[in-house]
Amino acid sequence: MATLAQGKYVWKNGEFVPWEQATTHILTHALHYGTAVFEGMRCYKTDKGSAVFRLAEHMERLVRSASLIMMDLPYSAEELVEAALELIAKNELESCYVRPIAYRGYGSMGVNPRPAPVDVAIAVWPWDAYLGAEALEKGMAAGISSWRQRSANATPGAIKSSASYLNSGLAHIEALDHGYGEAILLNESGMVAEGSGENIFVVKKGILKTPPLSDGILEGITRDSIIQLARFHGLTVVEASLVRTDLYGADEVFFTGSAAEVTPIASIDNRKIGSGQRGPVTEKLQTSFFDVVAARVPEFESWLYWV
């Protein structure tokens, strides 16, 4: 994997810290116990300037995730929006990935997180297509993981937490070891949940289907964007539980996510999906999504937060 590109500054606890100095102690609580919540979003270069896609919604979800793990943040979503925009400008980046994180810091150990202080940071850096630029056009191979999605009554999908992503990491490693580019997880009931870092959609006879939130998935912001864009273009969207054969028999399948954007899936478990390449509905929605983030669709320009 390529080395992470560096920025100039990181925003941490209200201050701009040089990238190399944005460090944390080895006994930071979150490092040992997973007591952290985070977000990921993209800033895009457009003809009108640089803009972050649905920035406020991401920061609101960060605050909500923190609240669900009983961690009160010392900053509001609005303050974090302003900090992110200022950080991007200070780093002089036209396009980048944005990673806010809130975590229990250094000061106490033990399972009880409450005595540990709360730290909040935002980092930005250049990041290309998460699943590969070629996959955006030609699609990718995915495999259904033997690892099940973490239970909604153990580590809820509504919380975007660092702890949850051990589950994702195990599934992703397994997929790579089997020759796939990404994993698809089923929940404990055997229903399709999501990718290791993406939501999933299927297209069958022109109808778009995606698992409901009640199946334990993350309430994806790109997922919501695609649902709205699909309906804007007159497509029928259904949130319904899916089994693995719904994936195998679909005309098209694709991932969505802030990092993955809209990535078609060409095969699952070595079974060709539809034509084995990006299908027409996926291409239409992908094109529409990239038009929106490039500020070419006035109806959705409110989703853009200008640097």
C-alpha atoms as a PDB file:
ATOM      1  CA  MET A   1       0.000   0.000   0.000  1.00  0.00           C
ATOM      2  CA  ALA A   2       1.213   3.473  -0.817  1.00  0.00           C
ATOM      3  CA  THR A   3       2.657   5.625   1.944  1.00  0.00           C
ATOM      4  CA  LEU A   4       0.176   8.096   3.400  1.00  0.00           C
ATOM      5  CA  ALA A   5       0.597  11.545   1.875  1.00  0.00           C
ATOM      6  CA  GLN A   6       1.328  14.212   4.445  1.00  0.00           C
ATOM      7  CA  GLY A   7      -0.275  17.553   5.080  1.00  0.00           C
ATOM      8  CA  LYS A   8       1.343  20.579   6.698  1.00  0.00           C
ATOM      9  CA  TYR A   9      -0.896  20.964   9.729  1.00  0.00           C
ATOM     10  CA  VAL A  10      -3.335  19.000  11.871  1.00  0.00           C
ATOM     11  CA  TRP A  11      -6.075  20.678  13.885  1.00  0.00           C
ATOM     12  CA  LYS A  12      -5.992  19.318  17.439  1.00  0.00           C
ATOM     13  CA  ASN A  13      -7.985  20.608  20.412  1.00  0.00           C
ATOM     14  CA  GLY A  14      -8.455  24.009  18.833  1.00  0.00           C
ATOM     15  CA  GLU A  15      -4.902  24.579  17.615  1.00  0.00           C
ATOM     16  CA  PHE A  16      -3.064  24.070  14.329  1.00  0.00           C
ATOM     17  CA  VAL A  17      -0.189  21.698  15.008  1.00  0.00           C
ATOM     18  CA  PRO A  18       2.615  20.902  12.527  1.00  0.00           C
ATOM     19  CA  TRP A  19       1.939  17.483  10.979  1.00  0.00           C
ATOM     20  CA  GLU A  20       5.020  15.821  12.506  1.00  0.00           C
ATOM     21  CA  GLN A  21       4.120  17.080  15.986  1.00  0.00           C
ATOM     22  CA  ALA A  22       0.527  15.810  15.938  1.00  0.00           C
ATOM     23  CA  THR A  23       1.323  12.835  18.162  1.00  0.00           C
ATOM     24  CA  THR A  24      -0.291  11.101  21.108  1.00  0.00           C
ATOM     25  CA  HIS A  25       0.941   9.140  24.133  1.00  0.00           C
ATOM     26  CA  ILE A  26       1.385   5.366  23.999  1.00  0.00           C
ATOM     27  CA  LEU A  27      -1.046   5.048  26.935  1.00  0.00           C
ATOM     28  CA  THR A  28      -3.822   6.944  25.187  1.00  0.00           C
ATOM     29  CA  HIS A  29      -7.048   5.257  26.298  1.00  0.00           C
ATOM     30  CA  ALA A  30      -8.452   4.870  22.777  1.00  0.00           C
ATOM     31  CA  LEU A  31      -5.362   2.991  21.612  1.00  0.00           C
ATOM     32  CA  HIS A  32      -6.000   0.283  24.199  1.00  0.00           C
ATOM     33  CA  TYR A  33      -9.790   0.194  24.387  1.00  0.00           C
ATOM     34  CA  GLY A  34     -11.105   1.521  21.057  1.00  0.00           C
ATOM     35  CA  THR A  35     -12.799   4.523  22.663  1.00  0.00           C
ATOM     36  CA  ALA A  36     -12.808   6.709  19.570  1.00  0.00           C
ATOM     37  CA  VAL A  37     -15.284   7.866  16.942  1.00  0.00           C
ATOM     38  CA  PHE A  38     -14.360   9.305  13.580  1.00  0.00           C
ATOM     39  CA  GLU A  39     -15.564  10.485  10.191  1.00  0.00           C
ATOM     40  CA  GLY A  40     -14.265  10.542   6.644  1.00  0.00           C
ATOM     41  CA  MET A  41     -15.206  12.916   3.859  1.00  0.00           C
ATOM     42  CA  ARG A  42     -13.761  14.419   0.700  1.00  0.00           C
ATOM     43  CA  CYS A  43     -12.957  17.924  -0.423  1.00  0.00           C
ATOM     44  CA  TYR A  44     -13.267  18.264  -4.201  1.00  0.00           C
ATOM     45  CA  LYS A  45     -11.750  20.779  -6.594  1.00  0.00           C
ATOM     46  CA  THR A  46     -14.428  22.427  -8.739  1.00  0.00           C
ATOM     47  CA  ASP A  47     -14.509  25.249 -11.282  1.00  0.00           C
ATOM     48  CA  LYS A  48     -15.883  27.454  -8.492  1.00  0.00           C
ATOM     49  CA  GLY A  49     -13.233  26.555  -5.938  1.00  0.00           C
ATOM     50  CA  SER A  50     -12.746  23.751  -3.421  1.00  0.00           C
ATOM     51  CA  ALA A  51     -15.679  22.328  -1.483  1.00  0.00           C
ATOM     52  CA  VAL A  52     -16.233  19.572   1.077  1.00  0.00           C
ATOM     53  CA  PHE A  53     -19.123  17.237   0.328  1.00  0.00           C
ATOM     54  CA  ARG A  54     -21.842  17.212   3.015  1.00  0.00           C
ATOM     55  CA  LEU A  55     -19.426  18.431   5.670  1.00  0.00           C
ATOM     56  CA  ALA A  56     -22.060  19.482   8.217  1.00  0.00           C
ATOM     57  CA  GLU A  57     -23.815  16.106   8.070  1.00  0.00           C
ATOM     58  CA  HIS A  58     -20.530  14.332   8.744  1.00  0.00           C
ATOM     59  CA  MET A  59     -19.696  16.515  11.737  1.00  0.00           C
ATOM     60  CA  GLU A  60     -23.222  16.086  13.090  1.00  0.00           C
ATOM     61  CA  ARG A  61     -22.783  12.314  12.846  1.00  0.00           C
ATOM     62  CA  LEU A  62     -19.443  12.571  14.650  1.00  0.00           C
ATOM     63  CA  VAL A  63     -21.099  14.419  17.528  1.00  0.00           C
ATOM     64  CA  ARG A  64     -23.940  11.874  17.545  1.00  0.00           C
ATOM     65  CA  SER A  65     -21.509   8.925  17.577  1.00  0.00           C
ATOM     66  CA  ALA A  66     -19.651  10.494  20.493  1.00  0.00           C
ATOM     67  CA  SER A  67     -22.896  10.979  22.393  1.00  0.00           C
ATOM     68  CA  LEU A  68     -23.852   7.329  21.863  1.00  0.00           C
ATOM     69  CA  ILE A  69     -20.639   6.197  23.566  1.00  0.00           C
ATOM     70  CA  MET A  70     -21.193   8.679  26.421  1.00  0.00           C
ATOM     71  CA  MET A  71     -18.416  11.005  25.303  1.00  0.00           C
ATOM     72  CA  ASP A  72     -19.248  14.715  25.426  1.00  0.00           C
ATOM     73  CA  LEU A  73     -17.271  16.712  22.870  1.00  0.00           C
ATOM     74  CA  PRO A  74     -15.940  20.155  23.787  1.00  0.00           C
ATOM     75  CA  TYR A  75     -16.814  21.406  20.286  1.00  0.00           C
ATOM     76  CA  SER A  76     -20.097  21.696  18.414  1.00  0.00           C
ATOM     77  CA  ALA A  77     -20.653  20.351  14.912  1.00  0.00           C
ATOM     78  CA  GLU A  78     -20.665  23.934  13.650  1.00  0.00           C
ATOM     79  CA  GLU A  79     -17.291  24.668  15.252  1.00  0.00           C
ATOM     80  CA  LEU A  80     -15.838  21.493  13.715  1.00  0.00           C
ATOM     81  CA  VAL A  81     -17.147  22.509  10.277  1.00  0.00           C
ATOM     82  CA  GLU A  82     -15.315  25.825  10.528  1.00  0.00           C
ATOM     83  CA  ALA A  83     -12.158  24.148  11.829  1.00  0.00           C
ATOM     84  CA  ALA A  84     -12.108  21.704   8.913  1.00  0.00           C
ATOM     85  CA  LEU A  85     -12.543  24.425   6.296  1.00  0.00           C
ATOM     86  CA  GLU A  86      -9.825  26.547   7.889  1.00  0.00           C
ATOM     87  CA  LEU A  87      -7.494  23.547   8.100  1.00  0.00           C
ATOM     88  CA  ILE A  88      -7.894  22.735   4.388  1.00  0.00           C
ATOM     89  CA  ALA A  89      -7.107  26.341   3.502  1.00  0.00           C
ATOM     90  CA  LYS A  90      -4.087  26.392   5.817  1.00  0.00           C
ATOM     91  CA  ASN A  91      -2.776  23.213   4.193  1.00  0.00           C
ATOM     92  CA  GLU A  92      -3.254  24.801   0.753  1.00  0.00           C
ATOM     93  CA  LEU A  93      -5.026  21.732  -0.625  1.00  0.00           C
ATOM     94  CA  GLU A  94      -7.416  21.974  -3.584  1.00  0.00           C
ATOM     95  CA  SER A  95      -8.716  18.451  -2.998  1.00  0.00           C
ATOM     96  CA  CYS A  96      -8.183  16.095  -0.089  1.00  0.00           C
ATOM     97  CA  TYR A  97      -9.584  13.546   2.312  1.00  0.00           C
ATOM     98  CA  VAL A  98     -10.782  14.879   5.676  1.00  0.00           C
ATOM     99  CA  ARG A  99     -10.523  12.770   8.839  1.00  0.00           C
ATOM    100  CA  PRO A 100     -11.992  14.132  12.084  1.00  0.00           C
ATOM    101  CA  ILE A 101     -11.545  11.951  15.167  1.00  0.00           C
ATOM    102  CA  ALA A 102     -12.601  12.270  18.793  1.00  0.00           C
ATOM    103  CA  TYR A 103     -11.067   9.961  21.357  1.00  0.00           C
ATOM    104  CA  ARG A 104     -10.353   9.304  24.985  1.00  0.00           C
ATOM    105  CA  GLY A 105      -6.799  10.495  25.518  1.00  0.00           C
ATOM    106  CA  TYR A 106      -3.962  10.050  27.972  1.00  0.00           C
ATOM    107  CA  GLY A 107      -4.607  10.262  31.683  1.00  0.00           C
ATOM    108  CA  SER A 108      -6.120   7.026  32.941  1.00  0.00           C
ATOM    109  CA  MET A 109      -6.201   3.316  32.119  1.00  0.00           C
ATOM    110  CA  GLY A 110      -8.814   0.653  32.668  1.00  0.00           C
ATOM    111  CA  VAL A 111     -12.040  -0.238  30.915  1.00  0.00           C
ATOM    112  CA  ASN A 112     -13.951   2.737  32.358  1.00  0.00           C
ATOM    113  CA  PRO A 113     -13.332   5.537  29.820  1.00  0.00           C
ATOM    114  CA  ARG A 114     -14.815   8.424  31.778  1.00  0.00           C
ATOM    115  CA  PRO A 115     -11.690   9.506  33.722  1.00  0.00           C
ATOM    116  CA  ALA A 116      -9.722   9.899  30.452  1.00  0.00           C
ATOM    117  CA  PRO A 117      -9.752  13.338  28.784  1.00  0.00           C
ATOM    118  CA  VAL A 118     -11.454  13.848  25.417  1.00  0.00           C
ATOM    119  CA  ASP A 119      -9.233  14.896  22.510  1.00  0.00           C
ATOM    120  CA  VAL A 120     -10.575  16.062  19.146  1.00  0.00           C
ATOM    121  CA  ALA A 121      -8.470  16.310  15.989  1.00  0.00           C
ATOM    122  CA  ILE A 122      -8.875  16.794  12.247  1.00  0.00           C
ATOM    123  CA  ALA A 123      -6.335  15.733   9.607  1.00  0.00           C
ATOM    124  CA  VAL A 124      -6.428  16.336   5.859  1.00  0.00           C
ATOM    125  CA  TRP A 125      -4.300  14.836   3.110  1.00  0.00           C
ATOM    126  CA  PRO A 126      -4.392  14.054  -0.625  1.00  0.00           C
ATOM    127  CA  TRP A 127      -5.999  10.643  -1.271  1.00  0.00           C
ATOM    128  CA  ASP A 128      -6.859   9.085  -4.615  1.00  0.00           C
ATOM    129  CA  ALA A 129      -9.674   6.622  -5.338  1.00  0.00           C
ATOM    130  CA  TYR A 130      -9.932   4.323  -2.302  1.00  0.00           C
ATOM    131  CA  LEU A 131     -10.643   1.112  -4.228  1.00  0.00           C
ATOM    132  CA  GLY A 132      -8.569   2.125  -7.244  1.00  0.00           C
ATOM    133  CA  ALA A 133      -9.239   4.441 -10.169  1.00  0.00           C
ATOM    134  CA  GLU A 134      -9.651   1.494 -12.542  1.00  0.00           C
ATOM    135  CA  ALA A 135     -12.389   0.006 -10.342  1.00  0.00           C
ATOM    136  CA  LEU A 136     -14.508   3.145 -10.750  1.00  0.00           C
ATOM    137  CA  GLU A 137     -14.827   2.354 -14.451  1.00  0.00           C
ATOM    138  CA  LYS A 138     -14.431  -1.399 -14.784  1.00  0.00           C
ATOM    139  CA  GLY A 139     -15.719  -2.610 -11.445  1.00  0.00           C
ATOM    140  CA  MET A 140     -14.011  -4.783  -8.879  1.00  0.00           C
ATOM    141  CA  ALA A 141     -14.082  -8.310  -7.508  1.00  0.00           C
ATOM    142  CA  ALA A 142     -15.639  -8.757  -4.074  1.00  0.00           C
ATOM    143  CA  GLY A 143     -16.141 -11.755  -1.825  1.00  0.00           C
ATOM    144  CA  ILE A 144     -18.609 -12.538   0.948  1.00  0.00           C
ATOM    145  CA  SER A 145     -16.653 -12.769   4.167  1.00  0.00           C
ATOM    146  CA  SER A 146     -16.730 -15.583   6.673  1.00  0.00           C
ATOM    147  CA  TRP A 147     -16.662 -12.853   9.321  1.00  0.00           C
ATOM    148  CA  ARG A 148     -20.129 -11.622  10.269  1.00  0.00           C
ATOM    149  CA  GLN A 149     -21.062  -7.976  10.766  1.00  0.00           C
ATOM    150  CA  ARG A 150     -20.706  -6.971  14.434  1.00  0.00           C
ATOM    151  CA  SER A 151     -24.047  -7.258  16.166  1.00  0.00           C
ATOM    152  CA  ALA A 152     -26.261  -4.191  16.446  1.00  0.00           C
ATOM    153  CA  ASN A 153     -26.640  -4.998  20.142  1.00  0.00           C
ATOM    154  CA  ALA A 154     -22.880  -5.329  20.681  1.00  0.00           C
ATOM    155  CA  THR A 155     -21.236  -2.549  18.661  1.00  0.00           C
ATOM    156  CA  PRO A 156     -24.091  -0.758  16.876  1.00  0.00           C
ATOM    157  CA  GLY A 157     -23.677   0.262  13.260  1.00  0.00           C
ATOM    158  CA  ALA A 158     -25.136   3.648  14.164  1.00  0.00           C
ATOM    159  CA  ILE A 159     -21.848   4.430  15.930  1.00  0.00           C
ATOM    160  CA  LYS A 160     -18.918   5.063  13.587  1.00  0.00           C
ATOM    161  CA  SER A 161     -16.294   3.939  16.081  1.00  0.00           C
ATOM    162  CA  SER A 162     -12.703   2.823  15.811  1.00  0.00           C
ATOM    163  CA  ALA A 163     -13.633  -0.311  17.752  1.00  0.00           C
ATOM    164  CA  SER A 164     -16.060  -1.376  15.006  1.00  0.00           C
ATOM    165  CA  TYR A 165     -13.346  -1.374  12.384  1.00  0.00           C
ATOM    166  CA  LEU A 166     -11.480  -4.370  13.772  1.00  0.00           C
ATOM    167  CA  ASN A 167     -14.421  -6.288  12.309  1.00  0.00           C
ATOM    168  CA  SER A 168     -13.913  -4.485   8.995  1.00  0.00           C
ATOM    169  CA  GLY A 169     -10.172  -5.069   9.025  1.00  0.00           C
ATOM    170  CA  LEU A 170     -10.535  -8.810   9.535  1.00  0.00           C
ATOM    171  CA  ALA A 171     -13.003  -9.047   6.648  1.00  0.00           C
ATOM    172  CA  HIS A 172     -10.874  -6.900   4.344  1.00  0.00           C
ATOM    173  CA  ILE A 173      -7.695  -8.895   5.027  1.00  0.00           C
ATOM    174  CA  GLU A 174      -9.554 -12.131   4.311  1.00  0.00           C
ATOM    175  CA  ALA A 175     -10.890 -10.714   1.022  1.00  0.00           C
ATOM    176  CA  LEU A 176      -7.412  -9.667  -0.107  1.00  0.00           C
ATOM    177  CA  ASP A 177      -5.994 -13.076   0.829  1.00  0.00           C
ATOM    178  CA  HIS A 178      -8.667 -14.710  -1.345  1.00  0.00           C
ATOM    179  CA  GLY A 179      -7.825 -12.510  -4.312  1.00  0.00           C
ATOM    180  CA  TYR A 180     -10.736 -10.080  -3.997  1.00  0.00           C
ATOM    181  CA  GLY A 181     -10.517  -6.306  -3.755  1.00  0.00           C
ATOM    182  CA  GLU A 182     -13.116  -5.937  -1.018  1.00  0.00           C
ATOM    183  CA  ALA A 183     -15.292  -7.908   1.393  1.00  0.00           C
ATOM    184  CA  ILE A 184     -19.059  -8.020   1.798  1.00  0.00           C
ATOM    185  CA  LEU A 185     -20.298  -8.839   5.296  1.00  0.00           C
ATOM    186  CA  LEU A 186     -23.528 -10.565   6.279  1.00  0.00           C
ATOM    187  CA  ASN A 187     -25.112  -9.802   9.637  1.00  0.00           C
ATOM    188  CA  GLU A 188     -25.722 -12.408  12.336  1.00  0.00           C
ATOM    189  CA  SER A 189     -29.077 -13.261  10.717  1.00  0.00           C
ATOM    190  CA  GLY A 190     -27.401 -13.954   7.386  1.00  0.00           C
ATOM    191  CA  MET A 191     -28.698 -10.814   5.686  1.00  0.00           C
ATOM    192  CA  VAL A 192     -26.422  -8.671   3.524  1.00  0.00           C
ATOM    193  CA  ALA A 193     -25.018  -5.805   5.592  1.00  0.00           C
ATOM    194  CA  GLU A 194     -22.261  -3.787   3.932  1.00  0.00           C
ATOM    195  CA  GLY A 195     -18.668  -3.771   2.736  1.00  0.00           C
ATOM    196  CA  SER A 196     -15.756  -3.373   5.117  1.00  0.00           C
ATOM    197  CA  GLY A 197     -16.007   0.395   4.672  1.00  0.00           C
ATOM    198  CA  GLU A 198     -18.913   0.926   2.275  1.00  0.00           C
ATOM    199  CA  ASN A 199     -22.665   0.589   1.921  1.00  0.00           C
ATOM    200  CA  ILE A 200     -23.974  -1.643  -0.848  1.00  0.00           C
ATOM    201  CA  PHE A 201     -26.700  -1.351  -3.501  1.00  0.00           C
ATOM    202  CA  VAL A 202     -28.146  -3.829  -5.991  1.00  0.00           C
ATOM    203  CA  VAL A 203     -30.035  -3.133  -9.209  1.00  0.00           C
ATOM    204  CA  LYS A 204     -32.628  -5.629 -10.417  1.00  0.00           C
ATOM    205  CA  LYS A 205     -34.983  -4.875 -13.326  1.00  0.00           C
ATOM    206  CA  GLY A 206     -34.295  -1.174 -12.946  1.00  0.00           C
ATOM    207  CA  ILE A 207     -35.157  -1.064  -9.225  1.00  0.00           C
ATOM    208  CA  LEU A 208     -32.482   0.006  -6.754  1.00  0.00           C
ATOM    209  CA  LYS A 209     -32.342  -1.905  -3.468  1.00  0.00           C
ATOM    210  CA  THR A 210     -30.171  -1.422  -0.390  1.00  0.00           C
ATOM    211  CA  PRO A 211     -30.231  -2.968   3.101  1.00  0.00           C
ATOM    212  CA  PRO A 212     -32.212  -1.035   5.742  1.00  0.00           C
ATOM    213  CA  LEU A 213     -30.554   0.560   8.757  1.00  0.00           C
ATOM    214  CA  SER A 214     -32.287  -2.044  10.927  1.00  0.00           C
ATOM    215  CA  ASP A 215     -29.965  -4.709   9.474  1.00  0.00           C
ATOM    216  CA  GLY A 216     -27.117  -3.138  11.452  1.00  0.00           C
ATOM    217  CA  ILE A 217     -25.459  -0.995   8.798  1.00  0.00           C
ATOM    218  CA  LEU A 218     -23.864   2.422   9.063  1.00  0.00           C
ATOM    219  CA  GLU A 219     -26.217   5.254   8.149  1.00  0.00           C
ATOM    220  CA  GLY A 220     -23.979   6.235   5.257  1.00  0.00           C
ATOM    221  CA  ILE A 221     -24.046   9.817   4.055  1.00  0.00           C
ATOM    222  CA  THR A 222     -23.020   8.821   0.526  1.00  0.00           C
ATOM    223  CA  ARG A 223     -25.682   6.103   0.744  1.00  0.00           C
ATOM    224  CA  ASP A 224     -28.279   8.765   1.494  1.00  0.00           C
ATOM    225  CA  SER A 225     -26.921  10.939  -1.312  1.00  0.00           C
ATOM    226  CA  ILE A 226     -27.310   8.118  -3.852  1.00  0.00           C
ATOM    227  CA  ILE A 227     -30.850   7.389  -2.665  1.00  0.00           C
ATOM    228  CA  GLN A 228     -31.760  11.043  -3.159  1.00  0.00           C
ATOM    229  CA  LEU A 229     -30.010  11.251  -6.530  1.00  0.00           C
ATOM    230  CA  ALA A 230     -31.696   8.063  -7.738  1.00  0.00           C
ATOM    231  CA  ARG A 231     -35.128   9.434  -6.862  1.00  0.00           C
ATOM    232  CA  PHE A 232     -34.200  12.760  -8.463  1.00  0.00           C
ATOM    233  CA  HIS A 233     -33.613  10.817 -11.693  1.00  0.00           C
ATOM    234  CA  GLY A 234     -36.922   8.970 -11.384  1.00  0.00           C
ATOM    235  CA  LEU A 235     -35.550   5.634 -10.175  1.00  0.00           C
ATOM    236  CA  THR A 236     -37.401   3.493  -7.654  1.00  0.00           C
ATOM    237  CA  VAL A 237     -35.414   2.908  -4.456  1.00  0.00           C
ATOM    238  CA  VAL A 238     -36.338   0.220  -1.939  1.00  0.00           C
ATOM    239  CA  GLU A 239     -34.734  -0.342   1.449  1.00  0.00           C
ATOM    240  CA  ALA A 240     -35.134  -4.073   2.048  1.00  0.00           C
ATOM    241  CA  SER A 241     -33.234  -6.975   3.572  1.00  0.00           C
ATOM    242  CA  LEU A 242     -31.143  -8.897   1.045  1.00  0.00           C
ATOM    243  CA  VAL A 243     -29.660 -12.398   1.065  1.00  0.00           C
ATOM    244  CA  ARG A 244     -26.465 -13.388  -0.723  1.00  0.00           C
ATOM    245  CA  THR A 245     -28.325 -14.817  -3.739  1.00  0.00           C
ATOM    246  CA  ASP A 246     -29.879 -11.368  -4.256  1.00  0.00           C
ATOM    247  CA  LEU A 247     -26.320 -10.216  -4.918  1.00  0.00           C
ATOM    248  CA  TYR A 248     -25.428 -13.132  -7.209  1.00  0.00           C
ATOM    249  CA  GLY A 249     -28.615 -12.677  -9.257  1.00  0.00           C
ATOM    250  CA  ALA A 250     -28.537  -8.885  -9.496  1.00  0.00           C
ATOM    251  CA  ASP A 251     -28.174  -7.011 -12.762  1.00  0.00           C
ATOM    252  CA  GLU A 252     -25.756  -4.595 -11.082  1.00  0.00           C
ATOM    253  CA  VAL A 253     -24.152  -4.178  -7.652  1.00  0.00           C
ATOM    254  CA  PHE A 254     -22.120  -1.244  -6.386  1.00  0.00           C
ATOM    255  CA  PHE A 255     -20.498   0.156  -3.248  1.00  0.00           C
ATOM    256  CA  THR A 256     -20.932   3.682  -1.924  1.00  0.00           C
ATOM    257  CA  GLY A 257     -18.899   5.602   0.631  1.00  0.00           C
ATOM    258  CA  SER A 258     -16.972   8.814   1.193  1.00  0.00           C
ATOM    259  CA  ALA A 259     -13.724   7.024   0.378  1.00  0.00           C
ATOM    260  CA  ALA A 260     -15.127   4.545  -2.184  1.00  0.00           C
ATOM    261  CA  GLU A 261     -17.473   7.124  -3.766  1.00  0.00           C
ATOM    262  CA  VAL A 262     -19.532   5.007  -6.225  1.00  0.00           C
ATOM    263  CA  THR A 263     -17.625   1.839  -7.154  1.00  0.00           C
ATOM    264  CA  PRO A 264     -19.220  -0.901  -9.296  1.00  0.00           C
ATOM    265  CA  ILE A 265     -18.791  -4.560  -8.378  1.00  0.00           C
ATOM    266  CA  ALA A 266     -17.997  -6.790 -11.349  1.00  0.00           C
ATOM    267  CA  SER A 267     -18.043 -10.133  -9.540  1.00  0.00           C
ATOM    268  CA  ILE A 268     -18.874 -11.624  -6.149  1.00  0.00           C
ATOM    269  CA  ASP A 269     -17.385 -14.935  -5.026  1.00  0.00           C
ATOM    270  CA  ASN A 270     -16.128 -15.418  -8.594  1.00  0.00           C
ATOM    271  CA  ARG A 271     -19.667 -15.071  -9.955  1.00  0.00           C
ATOM    272  CA  LYS A 272     -20.026 -12.460 -12.678  1.00  0.00           C
ATOM    273  CA  ILE A 273     -22.584  -9.788 -11.810  1.00  0.00           C
ATOM    274  CA  GLY A 274     -24.716  -8.888 -14.825  1.00  0.00           C
ATOM    275  CA  SER A 275     -22.406  -8.167 -17.745  1.00  0.00           C
ATOM    276  CA  GLY A 276     -19.360  -8.287 -15.482  1.00  0.00           C
ATOM    277  CA  GLN A 277     -18.697  -4.571 -15.834  1.00  0.00           C
ATOM    278  CA  ARG A 278     -20.195  -1.262 -14.775  1.00  0.00           C
ATOM    279  CA  GLY A 279     -23.905  -1.317 -15.586  1.00  0.00           C
ATOM    280  CA  PRO A 280     -26.031   1.536 -16.977  1.00  0.00           C
ATOM    281  CA  VAL A 281     -27.788   2.427 -13.688  1.00  0.00           C
ATOM    282  CA  THR A 282     -24.508   2.423 -11.775  1.00  0.00           C
ATOM    283  CA  GLU A 283     -22.895   4.580 -14.452  1.00  0.00           C
ATOM    284  CA  LYS A 284     -25.815   7.031 -14.398  1.00  0.00           C
ATOM    285  CA  LEU A 285     -25.660   7.402 -10.622  1.00  0.00           C
ATOM    286  CA  GLN A 286     -21.871   7.554 -10.596  1.00  0.00           C
ATOM    287  CA  THR A 287     -21.897  10.300 -13.229  1.00  0.00           C
ATOM    288  CA  SER A 288     -24.579  12.175 -11.324  1.00  0.00           C
ATOM    289  CA  PHE A 289     -22.613  11.902  -8.073  1.00  0.00           C
ATOM    290  CA  PHE A 290     -19.422  13.249  -9.642  1.00  0.00           C
ATOM    291  CA  ASP A 291     -21.403  16.059 -11.281  1.00  0.00           C
ATOM    292  CA  VAL A 292     -22.785  17.016  -7.861  1.00  0.00           C
ATOM    293  CA  VAL A 293     -19.403  17.081  -6.121  1.00  0.00           C
ATOM    294  CA  ALA A 294     -18.031  19.120  -9.034  1.00  0.00           C
ATOM    295  CA  ALA A 295     -20.763  21.751  -8.455  1.00  0.00           C
ATOM    296  CA  ARG A 296     -22.443  21.089 -11.786  1.00  0.00           C
ATOM    297  CA  VAL A 297     -25.922  20.336 -10.380  1.00  0.00           C
ATOM    298  CA  PRO A 298     -27.557  23.468  -8.894  1.00  0.00           C
ATOM    299  CA  GLU A 299     -30.294  21.432  -7.166  1.00  0.00           C
ATOM    300  CA  PHE A 300     -27.700  19.835  -4.872  1.00  0.00           C
ATOM    301  CA  GLU A 301     -25.180  22.630  -4.437  1.00  0.00           C
ATOM    302  CA  SER A 302     -26.310  23.009  -0.811  1.00  0.00           C
ATOM    303  CA  TRP A 303     -24.405  19.767  -0.147  1.00  0.00           C
ATOM    304  CA  LEU A 304     -21.116  21.602  -0.824  1.00  0.00           C
ATOM    305  CA  TYR A 305     -19.240  23.538   1.865  1.00  0.00           C
ATOM    306  CA  TRP A 306     -16.800  25.972   0.300  1.00  0.00           C
ATOM    307  CA  VAL A 307     -13.262  26.365   1.550  1.00  0.00           C
END
